[in-house]
Amino acid sequence: MNNFLKYTFILSVVFQAAAQDIKPAKNVLFIMVDDLRPELNVYGQDLIKSPNIDALAAAGTTFKRAYCNVPVCGASRASLLSGVRPTAKRFLKYYSSINEAGPNAQHIVDYFNERGYT
């Protein structure tokens, strides 16, 4: 019984030390909106009432110089979510799909899932 208590104590110390080394993953909130432009209050406009987004922006990161990589919505979303740049043959139409990114492209959702995010 004495050995059992000794080993239990040693294991609990080891597991406790290992648990302290684990850092929690940072939270990621990805908001994507078509055609919103900087019309939110956080950008100095009062047309759209968005108190929750304004509070979130005040506590997080906002972008003052964001650009679109493709001038049509579907192609822009597909390019952004796949991490693949548009070309003269890919992501051209408003109905473009992430499937145009190619077999080696990784969807942003899969990227986060592989790193433990849900």
N, C-alpha and C. Protein backbone atom coordinates (compact mmCIF):
# COMPACT_ATOMS: atom_id res chain seq x y z
N MET A 1 0.82 -1.19 0.00
CA MET A 1 0.00 0.00 0.00
C MET A 1 0.87 1.26 0.00
N ASN A 2 1.99 1.19 0.71
CA ASN A 2 2.88 2.33 0.79
C ASN A 2 3.45 2.68 -0.59
N ASN A 3 3.84 1.65 -1.37
CA ASN A 3 4.35 1.89 -2.73
C ASN A 3 3.26 2.47 -3.63
N PHE A 4 2.05 2.00 -3.46
CA PHE A 4 0.93 2.50 -4.26
C PHE A 4 0.75 4.00 -4.03
N LEU A 5 0.77 4.42 -2.79
CA LEU A 5 0.62 5.85 -2.47
C LEU A 5 1.79 6.66 -3.01
N LYS A 6 2.99 6.10 -2.91
CA LYS A 6 4.17 6.80 -3.40
C LYS A 6 4.08 7.01 -4.91
N TYR A 7 3.73 5.94 -5.66
CA TYR A 7 3.62 6.06 -7.12
C TYR A 7 2.46 6.96 -7.54
N THR A 8 1.38 6.90 -6.80
CA THR A 8 0.25 7.77 -7.09
C THR A 8 0.64 9.23 -6.91
N PHE A 9 1.36 9.51 -5.86
CA PHE A 9 1.82 10.88 -5.62
C PHE A 9 2.77 11.34 -6.73
N ILE A 10 3.72 10.50 -7.10
CA ILE A 10 4.68 10.86 -8.15
C ILE A 10 3.96 11.11 -9.47
N LEU A 11 3.03 10.23 -9.83
CA LEU A 11 2.28 10.41 -11.07
C LEU A 11 1.44 11.68 -11.04
N SER A 12 0.84 11.97 -9.91
CA SER A 12 0.02 13.18 -9.83
C SER A 12 0.88 14.43 -10.00
N VAL A 13 2.09 14.43 -9.45
CA VAL A 13 3.00 15.57 -9.61
C VAL A 13 3.41 15.71 -11.08
N VAL A 14 3.73 14.58 -11.72
CA VAL A 14 4.13 14.61 -13.13
C VAL A 14 3.00 15.13 -14.00
N PHE A 15 1.79 14.60 -13.81
CA PHE A 15 0.65 15.03 -14.62
C PHE A 15 0.28 16.48 -14.34
N GLN A 16 0.41 16.91 -13.11
CA GLN A 16 0.13 18.31 -12.78
C GLN A 16 1.12 19.23 -13.48
N ALA A 17 2.38 18.86 -13.50
CA ALA A 17 3.40 19.67 -14.18
C ALA A 17 3.14 19.70 -15.68
N ALA A 18 2.76 18.56 -16.24
CA ALA A 18 2.47 18.51 -17.68
C ALA A 18 1.25 19.35 -18.01
N ALA A 19 0.26 19.35 -17.14
CA ALA A 19 -0.96 20.12 -17.39
C ALA A 19 -0.68 21.62 -17.37
N GLN A 20 0.27 22.04 -16.58
CA GLN A 20 0.60 23.47 -16.51
C GLN A 20 1.32 23.95 -17.76
N ASP A 21 1.96 23.06 -18.49
CA ASP A 21 2.67 23.43 -19.71
C ASP A 21 1.73 23.63 -20.89
N ILE A 22 0.51 23.13 -20.79
CA ILE A 22 -0.44 23.24 -21.90
C ILE A 22 -1.03 24.65 -21.90
N LYS A 23 -0.82 25.36 -22.99
CA LYS A 23 -1.36 26.71 -23.12
C LYS A 23 -2.67 26.64 -23.89
N PRO A 24 -3.68 27.32 -23.41
CA PRO A 24 -4.95 27.30 -24.15
C PRO A 24 -4.79 27.99 -25.50
N ALA A 25 -5.49 27.46 -26.48
CA ALA A 25 -5.45 28.04 -27.82
C ALA A 25 -6.11 29.41 -27.81
N LYS A 26 -5.62 30.28 -28.65
CA LYS A 26 -6.23 31.60 -28.75
C LYS A 26 -7.57 31.48 -29.46
N ASN A 27 -8.49 32.31 -29.06
CA ASN A 27 -9.79 32.33 -29.71
C ASN A 27 -9.69 33.01 -31.07
N VAL A 28 -10.44 32.48 -32.02
CA VAL A 28 -10.49 33.06 -33.35
C VAL A 28 -11.95 33.26 -33.71
N LEU A 29 -12.31 34.47 -34.04
CA LEU A 29 -13.65 34.77 -34.52
C LEU A 29 -13.49 35.37 -35.90
N PHE A 30 -13.99 34.67 -36.88
CA PHE A 30 -13.84 35.08 -38.28
C PHE A 30 -15.20 35.55 -38.77
N ILE A 31 -15.32 36.84 -39.04
CA ILE A 31 -16.57 37.41 -39.54
C ILE A 31 -16.33 37.85 -40.97
N MET A 32 -17.18 37.38 -41.86
CA MET A 32 -17.04 37.73 -43.28
C MET A 32 -18.39 38.21 -43.77
N VAL A 33 -18.42 39.42 -44.32
CA VAL A 33 -19.67 40.02 -44.78
C VAL A 33 -19.46 40.59 -46.17
N ASP A 34 -20.39 40.30 -47.06
CA ASP A 34 -20.33 40.87 -48.41
C ASP A 34 -20.85 42.30 -48.40
N ASP A 35 -20.18 43.16 -49.10
CA ASP A 35 -20.66 44.51 -49.39
C ASP A 35 -20.97 45.36 -48.16
N LEU A 36 -20.34 45.12 -47.05
CA LEU A 36 -20.59 45.93 -45.86
C LEU A 36 -19.84 47.26 -45.93
N ARG A 37 -18.65 47.21 -46.46
CA ARG A 37 -17.80 48.40 -46.48
C ARG A 37 -17.60 48.89 -45.05
N PRO A 38 -16.90 49.95 -44.83
CA PRO A 38 -16.71 50.43 -43.45
C PRO A 38 -17.88 51.28 -42.98
N GLU A 39 -19.07 50.72 -42.99
CA GLU A 39 -20.28 51.47 -42.61
C GLU A 39 -20.68 51.26 -41.15
N LEU A 40 -19.83 50.61 -40.37
CA LEU A 40 -20.14 50.37 -38.97
C LEU A 40 -19.73 51.56 -38.12
N ASN A 41 -20.32 51.63 -36.93
CA ASN A 41 -20.02 52.71 -36.00
C ASN A 41 -18.54 52.73 -35.63
N VAL A 42 -17.93 51.57 -35.53
CA VAL A 42 -16.52 51.48 -35.16
C VAL A 42 -15.63 52.21 -36.17
N TYR A 43 -16.11 52.38 -37.39
CA TYR A 43 -15.36 53.11 -38.42
C TYR A 43 -15.82 54.57 -38.53
N GLY A 44 -16.60 55.02 -37.55
CA GLY A 44 -17.02 56.42 -37.53
C GLY A 44 -18.31 56.71 -38.27
N GLN A 45 -19.03 55.70 -38.68
CA GLN A 45 -20.30 55.88 -39.39
C GLN A 45 -21.45 55.57 -38.43
N ASP A 46 -22.61 56.14 -38.69
CA ASP A 46 -23.76 55.87 -37.82
C ASP A 46 -24.95 55.30 -38.57
N LEU A 47 -24.75 54.87 -39.80
CA LEU A 47 -25.84 54.33 -40.60
C LEU A 47 -26.33 52.99 -40.05
N ILE A 48 -25.42 52.11 -39.72
CA ILE A 48 -25.77 50.77 -39.24
C ILE A 48 -25.61 50.74 -37.72
N LYS A 49 -26.62 50.27 -37.03
CA LYS A 49 -26.57 50.13 -35.58
C LYS A 49 -26.05 48.73 -35.26
N SER A 50 -24.85 48.66 -34.73
CA SER A 50 -24.22 47.36 -34.45
C SER A 50 -23.44 47.42 -33.14
N PRO A 51 -24.15 47.58 -32.01
CA PRO A 51 -23.44 47.76 -30.74
C PRO A 51 -22.57 46.57 -30.35
N ASN A 52 -22.99 45.35 -30.67
CA ASN A 52 -22.19 44.18 -30.29
C ASN A 52 -20.92 44.09 -31.11
N ILE A 53 -21.01 44.33 -32.40
CA ILE A 53 -19.81 44.31 -33.24
C ILE A 53 -18.90 45.47 -32.86
N ASP A 54 -19.46 46.62 -32.54
CA ASP A 54 -18.65 47.76 -32.12
C ASP A 54 -17.89 47.45 -30.82
N ALA A 55 -18.57 46.80 -29.87
CA ALA A 55 -17.91 46.43 -28.61
C ALA A 55 -16.82 45.39 -28.86
N LEU A 56 -17.10 44.43 -29.74
CA LEU A 56 -16.10 43.42 -30.09
C LEU A 56 -14.89 44.07 -30.75
N ALA A 57 -15.13 45.00 -31.64
CA ALA A 57 -14.04 45.69 -32.33
C ALA A 57 -13.21 46.52 -31.35
N ALA A 58 -13.86 47.12 -30.38
CA ALA A 58 -13.14 47.93 -29.39
C ALA A 58 -12.19 47.08 -28.55
N ALA A 59 -12.54 45.81 -28.36
CA ALA A 59 -11.72 44.91 -27.54
C ALA A 59 -10.79 44.04 -28.39
N GLY A 60 -10.91 44.12 -29.70
CA GLY A 60 -10.11 43.25 -30.56
C GLY A 60 -9.31 44.02 -31.58
N THR A 61 -9.27 43.49 -32.78
CA THR A 61 -8.50 44.08 -33.87
C THR A 61 -9.42 44.53 -34.98
N THR A 62 -9.21 45.72 -35.46
CA THR A 62 -9.94 46.20 -36.63
C THR A 62 -8.93 46.55 -37.71
N PHE A 63 -9.39 46.52 -38.94
CA PHE A 63 -8.52 46.80 -40.07
C PHE A 63 -9.02 48.06 -40.77
N LYS A 64 -8.17 49.03 -40.87
CA LYS A 64 -8.53 50.30 -41.50
C LYS A 64 -8.21 50.32 -42.99
N ARG A 65 -7.35 49.42 -43.43
CA ARG A 65 -6.97 49.36 -44.84
C ARG A 65 -7.08 47.93 -45.34
N ALA A 66 -8.28 47.42 -45.41
CA ALA A 66 -8.51 46.06 -45.91
C ALA A 66 -8.83 46.13 -47.39
N TYR A 67 -8.38 45.13 -48.10
CA TYR A 67 -8.58 45.10 -49.55
C TYR A 67 -9.20 43.78 -49.96
N CYS A 68 -9.85 43.80 -51.07
CA CYS A 68 -10.48 42.61 -51.63
C CYS A 68 -9.56 42.06 -52.72
N ASN A 69 -9.36 40.74 -52.72
CA ASN A 69 -8.45 40.17 -53.71
C ASN A 69 -9.11 39.88 -55.05
N VAL A 70 -10.43 39.85 -55.09
CA VAL A 70 -11.17 39.66 -56.34
C VAL A 70 -12.39 40.58 -56.27
N PRO A 71 -12.76 41.26 -57.34
CA PRO A 71 -13.85 42.23 -57.27
C PRO A 71 -15.26 41.64 -57.28
N VAL A 72 -15.40 40.33 -57.27
CA VAL A 72 -16.74 39.73 -57.19
C VAL A 72 -16.81 38.83 -55.96
N CYS A 73 -17.98 38.78 -55.33
CA CYS A 73 -18.10 38.19 -54.00
C CYS A 73 -17.75 36.71 -53.91
N GLY A 74 -18.31 35.87 -54.77
CA GLY A 74 -18.06 34.43 -54.68
C GLY A 74 -16.60 34.09 -54.88
N ALA A 75 -15.99 34.71 -55.86
CA ALA A 75 -14.57 34.47 -56.13
C ALA A 75 -13.70 34.96 -54.98
N SER A 76 -14.06 36.09 -54.40
CA SER A 76 -13.31 36.63 -53.28
C SER A 76 -13.39 35.70 -52.07
N ARG A 77 -14.59 35.21 -51.77
CA ARG A 77 -14.75 34.26 -50.66
C ARG A 77 -13.95 32.99 -50.90
N ALA A 78 -14.04 32.43 -52.10
CA ALA A 78 -13.33 31.19 -52.40
C ALA A 78 -11.82 31.37 -52.26
N SER A 79 -11.31 32.48 -52.73
CA SER A 79 -9.88 32.74 -52.64
C SER A 79 -9.45 32.92 -51.18
N LEU A 80 -10.22 33.68 -50.42
CA LEU A 80 -9.88 33.93 -49.03
C LEU A 80 -9.95 32.65 -48.19
N LEU A 81 -10.99 31.86 -48.38
CA LEU A 81 -11.17 30.65 -47.57
C LEU A 81 -10.21 29.53 -47.94
N SER A 82 -9.65 29.58 -49.14
CA SER A 82 -8.71 28.54 -49.55
C SER A 82 -7.26 28.99 -49.43
N GLY A 83 -7.03 30.29 -49.34
CA GLY A 83 -5.67 30.79 -49.30
C GLY A 83 -4.97 30.76 -50.64
N VAL A 84 -5.74 30.56 -51.71
CA VAL A 84 -5.19 30.47 -53.06
C VAL A 84 -5.48 31.76 -53.81
N ARG A 85 -4.47 32.31 -54.43
CA ARG A 85 -4.64 33.56 -55.17
C ARG A 85 -5.45 33.35 -56.44
N PRO A 86 -6.19 34.35 -56.84
CA PRO A 86 -6.89 34.26 -58.12
C PRO A 86 -5.90 34.37 -59.27
N THR A 87 -6.26 33.76 -60.38
CA THR A 87 -5.44 33.86 -61.59
C THR A 87 -6.37 34.16 -62.76
N ALA A 88 -5.82 34.17 -63.95
CA ALA A 88 -6.63 34.40 -65.15
C ALA A 88 -7.55 33.21 -65.43
N LYS A 89 -7.32 32.08 -64.76
CA LYS A 89 -8.14 30.88 -64.99
C LYS A 89 -8.88 30.41 -63.74
N ARG A 90 -8.71 31.08 -62.64
CA ARG A 90 -9.30 30.60 -61.39
C ARG A 90 -9.91 31.78 -60.63
N PHE A 91 -11.09 31.54 -60.06
CA PHE A 91 -11.80 32.54 -59.26
C PHE A 91 -12.13 33.78 -60.09
N LEU A 92 -12.91 33.60 -61.13
CA LEU A 92 -13.26 34.70 -62.01
C LEU A 92 -14.69 35.18 -61.86
N LYS A 93 -15.61 34.29 -61.57
CA LYS A 93 -17.04 34.60 -61.59
C LYS A 93 -17.59 34.79 -60.18
N TYR A 94 -18.73 35.45 -60.10
CA TYR A 94 -19.37 35.66 -58.80
C TYR A 94 -19.81 34.35 -58.17
N TYR A 95 -20.00 33.30 -58.96
CA TYR A 95 -20.43 32.01 -58.43
C TYR A 95 -19.24 31.05 -58.27
N SER A 96 -18.03 31.55 -58.25
CA SER A 96 -16.85 30.71 -58.08
C SER A 96 -16.93 29.92 -56.79
N SER A 97 -16.31 28.76 -56.81
CA SER A 97 -16.33 27.85 -55.67
C SER A 97 -14.91 27.58 -55.19
N ILE A 98 -14.81 27.19 -53.95
CA ILE A 98 -13.51 26.83 -53.40
C ILE A 98 -12.93 25.61 -54.11
N ASN A 99 -13.77 24.84 -54.78
CA ASN A 99 -13.30 23.68 -55.53
C ASN A 99 -12.35 24.07 -56.66
N GLU A 100 -12.38 25.31 -57.08
CA GLU A 100 -11.48 25.78 -58.13
C GLU A 100 -10.05 25.96 -57.62
N ALA A 101 -9.86 25.88 -56.33
CA ALA A 101 -8.54 26.15 -55.74
C ALA A 101 -7.52 25.07 -56.08
N GLY A 102 -7.97 23.89 -56.43
CA GLY A 102 -7.05 22.82 -56.77
C GLY A 102 -6.95 21.78 -55.67
N PRO A 103 -6.35 20.63 -55.99
CA PRO A 103 -6.33 19.51 -55.05
C PRO A 103 -5.46 19.74 -53.82
N ASN A 104 -4.49 20.62 -53.89
CA ASN A 104 -3.59 20.84 -52.75
C ASN A 104 -4.03 21.98 -51.85
N ALA A 105 -5.08 22.65 -52.22
CA ALA A 105 -5.56 23.78 -51.41
C ALA A 105 -6.21 23.27 -50.13
N GLN A 106 -5.99 23.98 -49.06
CA GLN A 106 -6.57 23.59 -47.78
C GLN A 106 -7.57 24.66 -47.35
N HIS A 107 -8.78 24.22 -47.09
CA HIS A 107 -9.84 25.12 -46.63
C HIS A 107 -9.48 25.62 -45.23
N ILE A 108 -9.78 26.85 -44.95
CA ILE A 108 -9.44 27.44 -43.65
C ILE A 108 -10.08 26.67 -42.49
N VAL A 109 -11.26 26.10 -42.72
CA VAL A 109 -11.92 25.30 -41.68
C VAL A 109 -11.09 24.06 -41.37
N ASP A 110 -10.60 23.39 -42.40
CA ASP A 110 -9.75 22.21 -42.19
C ASP A 110 -8.45 22.59 -41.48
N TYR A 111 -7.90 23.72 -41.84
CA TYR A 111 -6.67 24.20 -41.20
C TYR A 111 -6.87 24.34 -39.70
N PHE A 112 -7.95 24.98 -39.30
CA PHE A 112 -8.21 25.15 -37.87
C PHE A 112 -8.58 23.84 -37.19
N ASN A 113 -9.35 22.99 -37.86
CA ASN A 113 -9.70 21.69 -37.28
C ASN A 113 -8.46 20.86 -36.97
N GLU A 114 -7.49 20.86 -37.86
CA GLU A 114 -6.26 20.10 -37.65
C GLU A 114 -5.46 20.62 -36.46
N ARG A 115 -5.72 21.82 -36.04
CA ARG A 115 -5.01 22.42 -34.91
C ARG A 115 -5.85 22.44 -33.64
N GLY A 116 -6.92 21.65 -33.64
CA GLY A 116 -7.72 21.48 -32.43
C GLY A 116 -8.88 22.43 -32.25
N TYR A 117 -9.12 23.31 -33.20
CA TYR A 117 -10.26 24.21 -33.10
C TYR A 117 -11.51 23.49 -33.58
N THR A 118 -12.64 23.91 -33.06
CA THR A 118 -13.92 23.31 -33.49
C THR A 118 -14.85 24.38 -33.99
